């Protein structure tokens, strides 16, 4: 869930798209994929919701990618996540979303790693475990992000510890969690 600047609560659902609840009027508005129009979200299984500084709503959609709802215009932009030119498979979920101080949205995609979407030009760069065994992502199962006040991105993974993104070198530092 996330709250926008107007106090609208955005609620991800598993099969019903995303609901926007106005606590003042106590009314819901639903965004869902019906296949009837181009300007609709690309899927109804939503894993994550994020509101950026422009009050745009970003949705992590199971097996598809990321959608951006521009609240000012109502326009919906699709960012299809791919691996080697093929769309991600249906078992891959965009589990977490966050923006950084450089104008990017980061998407944590189960089974694939991270996708960094440049908000101004829509270009996507991927970071996956195994691409660089020393300085790369330690695990392709991200589930949470943290952006520090200095702008450093931390990524928590299932079974792979924590990774800190080094922006200048575009590498990761692995932090092993001991139990």
Foldseek 3Di string as FASTA:
>chain_A
DDAFPQRWDWAADAQFAIWTADPVVRDIDGFADDPPDPQGDPHRHWQEWDQDPQRWIWTKHAQFGIWIQNPVVRGIDGQFDDDPPHGGGRRKTQQYWDDFPPQWIWTQIAPFGIWIARNPPRDIDGFGDPPDPQFGQQHSAWHDWDQDPVGWIKTQGVVRAIWIADVVVRTTDHDDDDD
